[in-house]
């Protein structure tokens, strides 16, 4: 069984690796700034009952994606993500896969790309809650959950680290981190972030950006030498009223893999946005 809530977002989204290349470093910084906070439930989490541990390499479970007519169209392998936790978990270690099969997803995966993609799921370490993303099959994927509840997933092509997927979610904790990142990723909120006492250290310079709903943007970044010369496609989401929340996903991709990158980010927008 599964239950997912985005607050005011729609229930049809049933079911994240860092602002920087390594999520653990970002999470450590968050924890240092916000170590008094308890771990909070992410609004983007899916809840499952506990189950036996499965190895990522031995995963045989699958997730079905429906077509626009609501009929099963694509089935992708489900891979459990090895995850580091900032606090000790009471009782048995968190399972690497959910106990129950995930429900069918309403997101449309192009059939021509199905053979190249997999679903990667990480256990957030409490109440069986998890986070999932689409990424290419065979990529190396790891997760990290901070002591304050912030979490991230990092995936990369083992043959080329310039091809990567990074996500981060402040999960309602680490308010200073969230405010500064909102100011960096959303230019219209830079002044607001400064007024809160957490100005953006390094505002983002986009090649292009466009709104996706009321609180999310999709953006592109110029190729960089630190990313193997690849461009970056990404999305970022913010909530800055009544408590700040920030999440983002970024992928570096080769030109030949543009369709795969677009599908990964489109899934993130569908799952963790506000449309």
C-alpha atoms as a PDB file:
ATOM      1  CA  UNK A   1       0.000   0.000   0.000  1.00  0.00           C
ATOM      2  CA  UNK A   2       1.127   3.500  -0.728  1.00  0.00           C
ATOM      3  CA  UNK A   3       0.137   7.020   0.222  1.00  0.00           C
ATOM      4  CA  UNK A   4       1.673  10.191  -1.162  1.00  0.00           C
ATOM      5  CA  UNK A   5       0.919  13.847  -0.375  1.00  0.00           C
ATOM      6  CA  UNK A   6       2.058  17.083  -1.979  1.00  0.00           C
ATOM      7  CA  UNK A   7      -0.273  19.221   0.131  1.00  0.00           C
ATOM      8  CA  UNK A   8      -2.264  21.095  -2.476  1.00  0.00           C
ATOM      9  CA  UNK A   9      -0.850  19.056  -5.388  1.00  0.00           C
ATOM     10  CA  UNK A  10      -2.893  16.295  -6.991  1.00  0.00           C
ATOM     11  CA  UNK A  11      -3.027  12.735  -5.639  1.00  0.00           C
ATOM     12  CA  UNK A  12      -2.246  11.231  -9.046  1.00  0.00           C
ATOM     13  CA  UNK A  13       1.471  11.658  -8.369  1.00  0.00           C
ATOM     14  CA  UNK A  14       1.835   8.508  -6.284  1.00  0.00           C
ATOM     15  CA  UNK A  15       5.219   7.902  -5.472  1.00  0.00           C
ATOM     16  CA  UNK A  16      15.590  13.386  -5.779  1.00  0.00           C
ATOM     17  CA  UNK A  17      21.680  13.736  -6.207  1.00  0.00           C
ATOM     18  CA  UNK A  18      22.771  17.189  -4.869  1.00  0.00           C
ATOM     19  CA  UNK A  19      23.044  20.906  -5.593  1.00  0.00           C
ATOM     20  CA  UNK A  20      26.693  20.081  -5.723  1.00  0.00           C
ATOM     21  CA  UNK A  21      28.196  16.906  -7.131  1.00  0.00           C
ATOM     22  CA  UNK A  22      28.268  15.027  -3.805  1.00  0.00           C
ATOM     23  CA  UNK A  23      25.102  15.005  -1.709  1.00  0.00           C
ATOM     24  CA  UNK A  24      26.771  13.959   1.612  1.00  0.00           C
ATOM     25  CA  UNK A  25      28.821  17.185   1.729  1.00  0.00           C
ATOM     26  CA  UNK A  26      25.721  19.313   1.155  1.00  0.00           C
ATOM     27  CA  UNK A  27      23.780  17.386   3.768  1.00  0.00           C
ATOM     28  CA  UNK A  28      26.586  17.737   6.297  1.00  0.00           C
ATOM     29  CA  UNK A  29      26.501  21.504   5.816  1.00  0.00           C
ATOM     30  CA  UNK A  30      22.739  21.505   6.349  1.00  0.00           C
ATOM     31  CA  UNK A  31      23.046  19.470   9.511  1.00  0.00           C
ATOM     32  CA  UNK A  32      25.710  21.795  10.896  1.00  0.00           C
ATOM     33  CA  UNK A  33      23.407  24.776  10.360  1.00  0.00           C
ATOM     34  CA  UNK A  34      20.265  23.068  11.583  1.00  0.00           C
ATOM     35  CA  UNK A  35      21.287  20.240  13.907  1.00  0.00           C
ATOM     36  CA  UNK A  36      18.631  21.079  16.466  1.00  0.00           C
ATOM     37  CA  UNK A  37      15.807  20.119  14.142  1.00  0.00           C
ATOM     38  CA  UNK A  38      14.159  16.715  14.134  1.00  0.00           C
ATOM     39  CA  UNK A  39      13.871  14.688  10.945  1.00  0.00           C
ATOM     40  CA  UNK A  40      10.757  15.812   9.130  1.00  0.00           C
ATOM     41  CA  UNK A  41       8.504  13.935   6.750  1.00  0.00           C
ATOM     42  CA  UNK A  42       9.055  15.091   3.162  1.00  0.00           C
ATOM     43  CA  UNK A  43       5.937  16.025   1.255  1.00  0.00           C
ATOM     44  CA  UNK A  44       7.440  14.197  -1.712  1.00  0.00           C
ATOM     45  CA  UNK A  45       7.758  10.839   0.026  1.00  0.00           C
ATOM     46  CA  UNK A  46       5.952   7.607  -0.672  1.00  0.00           C
ATOM     47  CA  UNK A  47       5.126   5.375   2.291  1.00  0.00           C
ATOM     48  CA  UNK A  48       5.512   1.587   2.282  1.00  0.00           C
ATOM     49  CA  UNK A  49       5.500  -1.148   4.877  1.00  0.00           C
ATOM     50  CA  UNK A  50       8.811  -2.661   5.978  1.00  0.00           C
ATOM     51  CA  UNK A  51      10.071  -5.702   4.144  1.00  0.00           C
ATOM     52  CA  UNK A  52      13.099  -7.957   3.652  1.00  0.00           C
ATOM     53  CA  UNK A  53      16.358  -6.497   2.414  1.00  0.00           C
ATOM     54  CA  UNK A  54      17.075  -6.877  -1.294  1.00  0.00           C
ATOM     55  CA  UNK A  55      20.393  -6.158  -3.005  1.00  0.00           C
ATOM     56  CA  UNK A  56      20.508  -3.526  -5.736  1.00  0.00           C
ATOM     57  CA  UNK A  57      22.281  -5.925  -8.072  1.00  0.00           C
ATOM     58  CA  UNK A  58      19.660  -8.601  -7.513  1.00  0.00           C
ATOM     59  CA  UNK A  59      16.584  -6.427  -7.956  1.00  0.00           C
ATOM     60  CA  UNK A  60      13.948  -8.104 -10.086  1.00  0.00           C
ATOM     61  CA  UNK A  61      10.914  -5.988  -9.227  1.00  0.00           C
ATOM     62  CA  UNK A  62       9.371  -3.721 -11.850  1.00  0.00           C
ATOM     63  CA  UNK A  63       7.262  -0.546 -12.069  1.00  0.00           C
ATOM     64  CA  UNK A  64       4.546  -0.060 -14.671  1.00  0.00           C
ATOM     65  CA  UNK A  65       3.920   3.252 -16.440  1.00  0.00           C
ATOM     66  CA  UNK A  66       0.589   3.914 -18.090  1.00  0.00           C
ATOM     67  CA  UNK A  67       0.030   5.584 -21.433  1.00  0.00           C
ATOM     68  CA  UNK A  68      -2.138   8.655 -21.982  1.00  0.00           C
ATOM     69  CA  UNK A  69      -5.224   6.467 -22.088  1.00  0.00           C
ATOM     70  CA  UNK A  70      -4.430   5.014 -18.639  1.00  0.00           C
ATOM     71  CA  UNK A  71      -3.441   1.593 -19.940  1.00  0.00           C
ATOM     72  CA  UNK A  72      -0.213  -0.178 -18.941  1.00  0.00           C
ATOM     73  CA  UNK A  73       2.357   0.643 -21.603  1.00  0.00           C
ATOM     74  CA  UNK A  74       5.920   0.431 -20.214  1.00  0.00           C
ATOM     75  CA  UNK A  75       7.487  -1.713 -17.468  1.00  0.00           C
ATOM     76  CA  UNK A  76      10.840  -0.646 -15.978  1.00  0.00           C
ATOM     77  CA  UNK A  77      13.097  -2.485 -13.503  1.00  0.00           C
ATOM     78  CA  UNK A  78      13.037  -1.239  -9.893  1.00  0.00           C
ATOM     79  CA  UNK A  79      16.515  -0.870  -8.339  1.00  0.00           C
ATOM     80  CA  UNK A  80      17.152  -0.284  -4.623  1.00  0.00           C
ATOM     81  CA  UNK A  81      19.653   2.478  -3.818  1.00  0.00           C
ATOM     82  CA  UNK A  82      22.366   1.978  -1.135  1.00  0.00           C
ATOM     83  CA  UNK A  83      21.893   4.895   1.271  1.00  0.00           C
ATOM     84  CA  UNK A  84      23.897   6.501   4.102  1.00  0.00           C
ATOM     85  CA  UNK A  85      22.025   7.876   7.112  1.00  0.00           C
ATOM     86  CA  UNK A  86      23.041  10.796   9.340  1.00  0.00           C
ATOM     87  CA  UNK A  87      21.509   9.190  12.425  1.00  0.00           C
ATOM     88  CA  UNK A  88      21.346   5.608  13.648  1.00  0.00           C
ATOM     89  CA  UNK A  89      18.108   3.877  12.775  1.00  0.00           C
ATOM     90  CA  UNK A  90      16.437   1.991  15.619  1.00  0.00           C
ATOM     91  CA  UNK A  91      15.813  -1.708  15.104  1.00  0.00           C
ATOM     92  CA  UNK A  92      16.545  -3.388  11.788  1.00  0.00           C
ATOM     93  CA  UNK A  93      18.471  -1.490   9.085  1.00  0.00           C
ATOM     94  CA  UNK A  94      16.230   0.186   6.481  1.00  0.00           C
ATOM     95  CA  UNK A  95      15.286  -2.079   3.606  1.00  0.00           C
ATOM     96  CA  UNK A  96      16.778  -1.284   0.218  1.00  0.00           C
ATOM     97  CA  UNK A  97      13.506  -1.875  -1.636  1.00  0.00           C
ATOM     98  CA  UNK A  98       9.877  -1.302  -0.629  1.00  0.00           C
ATOM     99  CA  UNK A  99       8.097  -4.415   0.605  1.00  0.00           C
ATOM    100  CA  UNK A 100       5.114  -3.947  -1.689  1.00  0.00           C
ATOM    101  CA  UNK A 101       5.140  -3.359  -5.427  1.00  0.00           C
ATOM    102  CA  UNK A 102       4.827   0.281  -6.396  1.00  0.00           C
ATOM    103  CA  UNK A 103       1.496   1.247  -7.973  1.00  0.00           C
ATOM    104  CA  UNK A 104       1.293   1.979 -11.680  1.00  0.00           C
ATOM    105  CA  UNK A 105       2.481   5.486 -12.518  1.00  0.00           C
ATOM    106  CA  UNK A 106       0.529   7.909 -14.704  1.00  0.00           C
ATOM    107  CA  UNK A 107       3.698   9.413 -16.189  1.00  0.00           C
ATOM    108  CA  UNK A 108       4.182   8.499 -19.845  1.00  0.00           C
ATOM    109  CA  UNK A 109       7.605   6.981 -20.604  1.00  0.00           C
ATOM    110  CA  UNK A 110       8.350   6.959 -24.362  1.00  0.00           C
ATOM    111  CA  UNK A 111       8.423   3.332 -25.460  1.00  0.00           C
ATOM    112  CA  UNK A 112      11.548   3.911 -27.547  1.00  0.00           C
ATOM    113  CA  UNK A 113      13.434   4.852 -24.357  1.00  0.00           C
ATOM    114  CA  UNK A 114      12.114   2.082 -22.107  1.00  0.00           C
ATOM    115  CA  UNK A 115      15.064  -0.249 -22.733  1.00  0.00           C
ATOM    116  CA  UNK A 116      17.480   2.436 -21.502  1.00  0.00           C
ATOM    117  CA  UNK A 117      15.793   3.448 -18.235  1.00  0.00           C
ATOM    118  CA  UNK A 118      15.240   2.067 -14.724  1.00  0.00           C
ATOM    119  CA  UNK A 119      13.442   3.251 -11.590  1.00  0.00           C
ATOM    120  CA  UNK A 120      15.798   3.939  -8.657  1.00  0.00           C
ATOM    121  CA  UNK A 121      14.223   3.934  -5.179  1.00  0.00           C
ATOM    122  CA  UNK A 122      15.898   5.016  -1.911  1.00  0.00           C
ATOM    123  CA  UNK A 123      14.577   4.368   1.587  1.00  0.00           C
ATOM    124  CA  UNK A 124      14.421   7.591   3.633  1.00  0.00           C
ATOM    125  CA  UNK A 125      14.846   5.553   6.815  1.00  0.00           C
ATOM    126  CA  UNK A 126      11.622   6.236   8.680  1.00  0.00           C
ATOM    127  CA  UNK A 127       8.127   4.839   8.426  1.00  0.00           C
ATOM    128  CA  UNK A 128       9.122   3.022   5.230  1.00  0.00           C
ATOM    129  CA  UNK A 129       9.105   6.278   3.282  1.00  0.00           C
ATOM    130  CA  UNK A 130      10.983   6.406   0.013  1.00  0.00           C
ATOM    131  CA  UNK A 131      12.030   8.579  -2.933  1.00  0.00           C
ATOM    132  CA  UNK A 132      12.318   7.482  -6.535  1.00  0.00           C
ATOM    133  CA  UNK A 133      13.717   8.757  -9.812  1.00  0.00           C
ATOM    134  CA  UNK A 134      14.225   7.627 -13.399  1.00  0.00           C
ATOM    135  CA  UNK A 135      17.820   7.214 -14.570  1.00  0.00           C
ATOM    136  CA  UNK A 136      19.674   5.128 -17.171  1.00  0.00           C
ATOM    137  CA  UNK A 137      20.167   1.433 -16.515  1.00  0.00           C
ATOM    138  CA  UNK A 138      23.620   0.494 -15.237  1.00  0.00           C
ATOM    139  CA  UNK A 139      24.395   3.845 -13.622  1.00  0.00           C
ATOM    140  CA  UNK A 140      26.026   3.941 -10.163  1.00  0.00           C
ATOM    141  CA  UNK A 141      23.481   5.377  -7.739  1.00  0.00           C
ATOM    142  CA  UNK A 142      23.820   6.259  -4.050  1.00  0.00           C
ATOM    143  CA  UNK A 143      21.632   8.072  -1.542  1.00  0.00           C
ATOM    144  CA  UNK A 144      22.192  10.148   1.581  1.00  0.00           C
ATOM    145  CA  UNK A 145      19.787  11.201   4.339  1.00  0.00           C
ATOM    146  CA  UNK A 146      20.913  13.883   6.797  1.00  0.00           C
ATOM    147  CA  UNK A 147      20.182  13.915  10.520  1.00  0.00           C
ATOM    148  CA  UNK A 148      17.695  16.736   9.946  1.00  0.00           C
ATOM    149  CA  UNK A 149      15.752  14.882   7.245  1.00  0.00           C
ATOM    150  CA  UNK A 150      17.294  16.505   4.160  1.00  0.00           C
ATOM    151  CA  UNK A 151      18.104  13.923   1.521  1.00  0.00           C
ATOM    152  CA  UNK A 152      19.739  13.533  -1.860  1.00  0.00           C
ATOM    153  CA  UNK A 153      20.440  11.002  -4.582  1.00  0.00           C
ATOM    154  CA  UNK A 154      23.506  10.945  -6.819  1.00  0.00           C
ATOM    155  CA  UNK A 155      23.702   8.885 -10.011  1.00  0.00           C
ATOM    156  CA  UNK A 156      26.386   8.795 -12.663  1.00  0.00           C
ATOM    157  CA  UNK A 157      27.522   6.848 -15.686  1.00  0.00           C
ATOM    158  CA  UNK A 158      30.365   4.639 -14.369  1.00  0.00           C
ATOM    159  CA  UNK A 159      32.196   5.161 -17.665  1.00  0.00           C
ATOM    160  CA  UNK A 160      31.790   8.964 -17.717  1.00  0.00           C
ATOM    161  CA  UNK A 161      31.167  10.989 -14.532  1.00  0.00           C
ATOM    162  CA  UNK A 162      30.189  13.995 -16.653  1.00  0.00           C
ATOM    163  CA  UNK A 163      26.901  12.218 -17.287  1.00  0.00           C
ATOM    164  CA  UNK A 164      25.090  12.419 -13.966  1.00  0.00           C
ATOM    165  CA  UNK A 165      21.831  12.978 -12.137  1.00  0.00           C
ATOM    166  CA  UNK A 166      21.788  14.913  -8.863  1.00  0.00           C
ATOM    167  CA  UNK A 167      18.798  15.653  -6.662  1.00  0.00           C
ATOM    168  CA  UNK A 168      18.398  17.311  -3.256  1.00  0.00           C
ATOM    169  CA  UNK A 169      15.408  17.953  -1.013  1.00  0.00           C
ATOM    170  CA  UNK A 170      15.547  20.036   2.177  1.00  0.00           C
ATOM    171  CA  UNK A 171      12.363  18.237   3.328  1.00  0.00           C
ATOM    172  CA  UNK A 172      11.190  21.237   5.349  1.00  0.00           C
ATOM    173  CA  UNK A 173      14.329  21.331   7.519  1.00  0.00           C
ATOM    174  CA  UNK A 174      17.541  23.396   7.261  1.00  0.00           C
ATOM    175  CA  UNK A 175      15.700  26.666   6.676  1.00  0.00           C
ATOM    176  CA  UNK A 176      18.903  28.643   6.054  1.00  0.00           C
ATOM    177  CA  UNK A 177      19.981  26.211   3.347  1.00  0.00           C
ATOM    178  CA  UNK A 178      16.571  26.298   1.689  1.00  0.00           C
ATOM    179  CA  UNK A 179      16.319  30.112   1.732  1.00  0.00           C
ATOM    180  CA  UNK A 180      19.798  30.616   0.244  1.00  0.00           C
ATOM    181  CA  UNK A 181      19.151  28.076  -2.495  1.00  0.00           C
ATOM    182  CA  UNK A 182      15.761  29.572  -3.314  1.00  0.00           C
ATOM    183  CA  UNK A 183      17.499  32.931  -3.766  1.00  0.00           C
ATOM    184  CA  UNK A 184      20.139  31.357  -5.984  1.00  0.00           C
ATOM    185  CA  UNK A 185      17.781  29.399  -8.242  1.00  0.00           C
ATOM    186  CA  UNK A 186      14.881  31.865  -8.386  1.00  0.00           C
ATOM    187  CA  UNK A 187      16.195  35.342  -9.331  1.00  0.00           C
ATOM    188  CA  UNK A 188      12.906  37.035  -8.455  1.00  0.00           C
ATOM    189  CA  UNK A 189      13.327  35.792  -4.851  1.00  0.00           C
ATOM    190  CA  UNK A 190      16.985  36.806  -4.414  1.00  0.00           C
ATOM    191  CA  UNK A 191      16.044  40.018  -2.585  1.00  0.00           C
ATOM    192  CA  UNK A 192      13.626  38.086  -0.360  1.00  0.00           C
ATOM    193  CA  UNK A 193      16.391  35.600   0.577  1.00  0.00           C
ATOM    194  CA  UNK A 194      18.718  38.461   1.490  1.00  0.00           C
ATOM    195  CA  UNK A 195      16.022  40.026   3.659  1.00  0.00           C
ATOM    196  CA  UNK A 196      15.754  36.707   5.543  1.00  0.00           C
ATOM    197  CA  UNK A 197      19.475  36.869   6.322  1.00  0.00           C
ATOM    198  CA  UNK A 198      20.515  34.070   3.942  1.00  0.00           C
ATOM    199  CA  UNK A 199      21.603  35.677   0.659  1.00  0.00           C
ATOM    200  CA  UNK A 200      22.549  33.455  -2.252  1.00  0.00           C
ATOM    201  CA  UNK A 201      26.289  32.795  -2.306  1.00  0.00           C
ATOM    202  CA  UNK A 202      26.353  32.090  -6.028  1.00  0.00           C
ATOM    203  CA  UNK A 203      23.260  33.023  -8.078  1.00  0.00           C
ATOM    204  CA  UNK A 204      22.599  30.639 -10.942  1.00  0.00           C
ATOM    205  CA  UNK A 205      23.394  31.751 -14.483  1.00  0.00           C
ATOM    206  CA  UNK A 206      20.954  29.975 -16.778  1.00  0.00           C
ATOM    207  CA  UNK A 207      21.142  29.579 -20.513  1.00  0.00           C
ATOM    208  CA  UNK A 208      17.360  29.414 -20.410  1.00  0.00           C
ATOM    209  CA  UNK A 209      14.566  28.968 -17.887  1.00  0.00           C
ATOM    210  CA  UNK A 210      10.798  28.652 -17.931  1.00  0.00           C
ATOM    211  CA  UNK A 211       8.076  28.206 -15.312  1.00  0.00           C
ATOM    212  CA  UNK A 212       6.543  24.787 -14.729  1.00  0.00           C
ATOM    213  CA  UNK A 213       3.484  25.474 -12.600  1.00  0.00           C
ATOM    214  CA  UNK A 214       3.509  28.201  -9.956  1.00  0.00           C
ATOM    215  CA  UNK A 215       6.514  27.139  -7.862  1.00  0.00           C
ATOM    216  CA  UNK A 216       8.807  25.263 -10.214  1.00  0.00           C
ATOM    217  CA  UNK A 217      11.142  26.198 -13.049  1.00  0.00           C
ATOM    218  CA  UNK A 218      12.932  24.156 -15.699  1.00  0.00           C
ATOM    219  CA  UNK A 219      16.369  25.425 -16.706  1.00  0.00           C
ATOM    220  CA  UNK A 220      19.464  24.749 -18.776  1.00  0.00           C
ATOM    221  CA  UNK A 221      23.075  25.513 -17.868  1.00  0.00           C
ATOM    222  CA  UNK A 222      26.009  26.059 -20.208  1.00  0.00           C
ATOM    223  CA  UNK A 223      28.504  23.223 -20.745  1.00  0.00           C
ATOM    224  CA  UNK A 224      31.350  23.283 -18.238  1.00  0.00           C
ATOM    225  CA  UNK A 225      34.801  21.721 -18.158  1.00  0.00           C
ATOM    226  CA  UNK A 226      34.040  20.328 -14.711  1.00  0.00           C
ATOM    227  CA  UNK A 227      31.223  18.316 -16.288  1.00  0.00           C
ATOM    228  CA  UNK A 228      33.100  16.899 -19.245  1.00  0.00           C
ATOM    229  CA  UNK A 229      31.846  19.691 -21.479  1.00  0.00           C
ATOM    230  CA  UNK A 230      28.235  18.515 -21.220  1.00  0.00           C
ATOM    231  CA  UNK A 231      25.268  20.804 -20.833  1.00  0.00           C
ATOM    232  CA  UNK A 232      22.902  20.520 -17.876  1.00  0.00           C
ATOM    233  CA  UNK A 233      19.129  20.273 -17.807  1.00  0.00           C
ATOM    234  CA  UNK A 234      17.344  20.697 -14.506  1.00  0.00           C
ATOM    235  CA  UNK A 235      14.301  21.675 -12.507  1.00  0.00           C
ATOM    236  CA  UNK A 236      13.900  23.436  -9.151  1.00  0.00           C
ATOM    237  CA  UNK A 237      10.942  23.805  -6.791  1.00  0.00           C
ATOM    238  CA  UNK A 238      10.420  26.257  -3.923  1.00  0.00           C
ATOM    239  CA  UNK A 239       8.050  27.109  -1.106  1.00  0.00           C
ATOM    240  CA  UNK A 240       8.929  30.342   0.703  1.00  0.00           C
ATOM    241  CA  UNK A 241       5.762  31.211   2.607  1.00  0.00           C
ATOM    242  CA  UNK A 242       5.087  29.767   6.052  1.00  0.00           C
ATOM    243  CA  UNK A 243       8.356  27.817   6.126  1.00  0.00           C
ATOM    244  CA  UNK A 244      10.842  27.286   3.332  1.00  0.00           C
ATOM    245  CA  UNK A 245      11.348  24.176   1.237  1.00  0.00           C
ATOM    246  CA  UNK A 246      13.671  23.698  -1.719  1.00  0.00           C
ATOM    247  CA  UNK A 247      14.292  20.769  -4.041  1.00  0.00           C
ATOM    248  CA  UNK A 248      16.054  20.361  -7.345  1.00  0.00           C
ATOM    249  CA  UNK A 249      17.217  17.813  -9.914  1.00  0.00           C
ATOM    250  CA  UNK A 250      20.031  18.368 -12.434  1.00  0.00           C
ATOM    251  CA  UNK A 251      21.390  16.060 -15.122  1.00  0.00           C
ATOM    252  CA  UNK A 252      24.474  16.378 -17.286  1.00  0.00           C
ATOM    253  CA  UNK A 253      24.067  14.637 -20.616  1.00  0.00           C
ATOM    254  CA  UNK A 254      25.668  14.051 -23.991  1.00  0.00           C
ATOM    255  CA  UNK A 255      23.843  15.446 -27.013  1.00  0.00           C
ATOM    256  CA  UNK A 256      22.911  11.956 -28.179  1.00  0.00           C
ATOM    257  CA  UNK A 257      21.140  11.341 -24.850  1.00  0.00           C
ATOM    258  CA  UNK A 258      19.007  14.481 -24.831  1.00  0.00           C
ATOM    259  CA  UNK A 259      15.714  12.578 -25.045  1.00  0.00           C
ATOM    260  CA  UNK A 260      16.658  10.467 -22.011  1.00  0.00           C
ATOM    261  CA  UNK A 261      17.634  13.590 -20.029  1.00  0.00           C
ATOM    262  CA  UNK A 262      14.379  15.303 -20.936  1.00  0.00           C
ATOM    263  CA  UNK A 263      12.379  12.277 -19.797  1.00  0.00           C
ATOM    264  CA  UNK A 264      14.228  12.120 -16.456  1.00  0.00           C
ATOM    265  CA  UNK A 265      13.579  15.792 -15.708  1.00  0.00           C
ATOM    266  CA  UNK A 266       9.990  15.618 -16.966  1.00  0.00           C
ATOM    267  CA  UNK A 267       9.369  12.751 -14.535  1.00  0.00           C
ATOM    268  CA  UNK A 268      10.855  14.829 -11.691  1.00  0.00           C
ATOM    269  CA  UNK A 269       8.603  17.747 -12.584  1.00  0.00           C
ATOM    270  CA  UNK A 270       5.552  15.506 -12.728  1.00  0.00           C
ATOM    271  CA  UNK A 271       6.355  13.778  -9.457  1.00  0.00           C
ATOM    272  CA  UNK A 272       7.743  16.587  -7.319  1.00  0.00           C
ATOM    273  CA  UNK A 273       6.320  19.767  -8.841  1.00  0.00           C
ATOM    274  CA  UNK A 274       3.065  21.603  -8.307  1.00  0.00           C
ATOM    275  CA  UNK A 275       1.096  21.050 -11.500  1.00  0.00           C
END
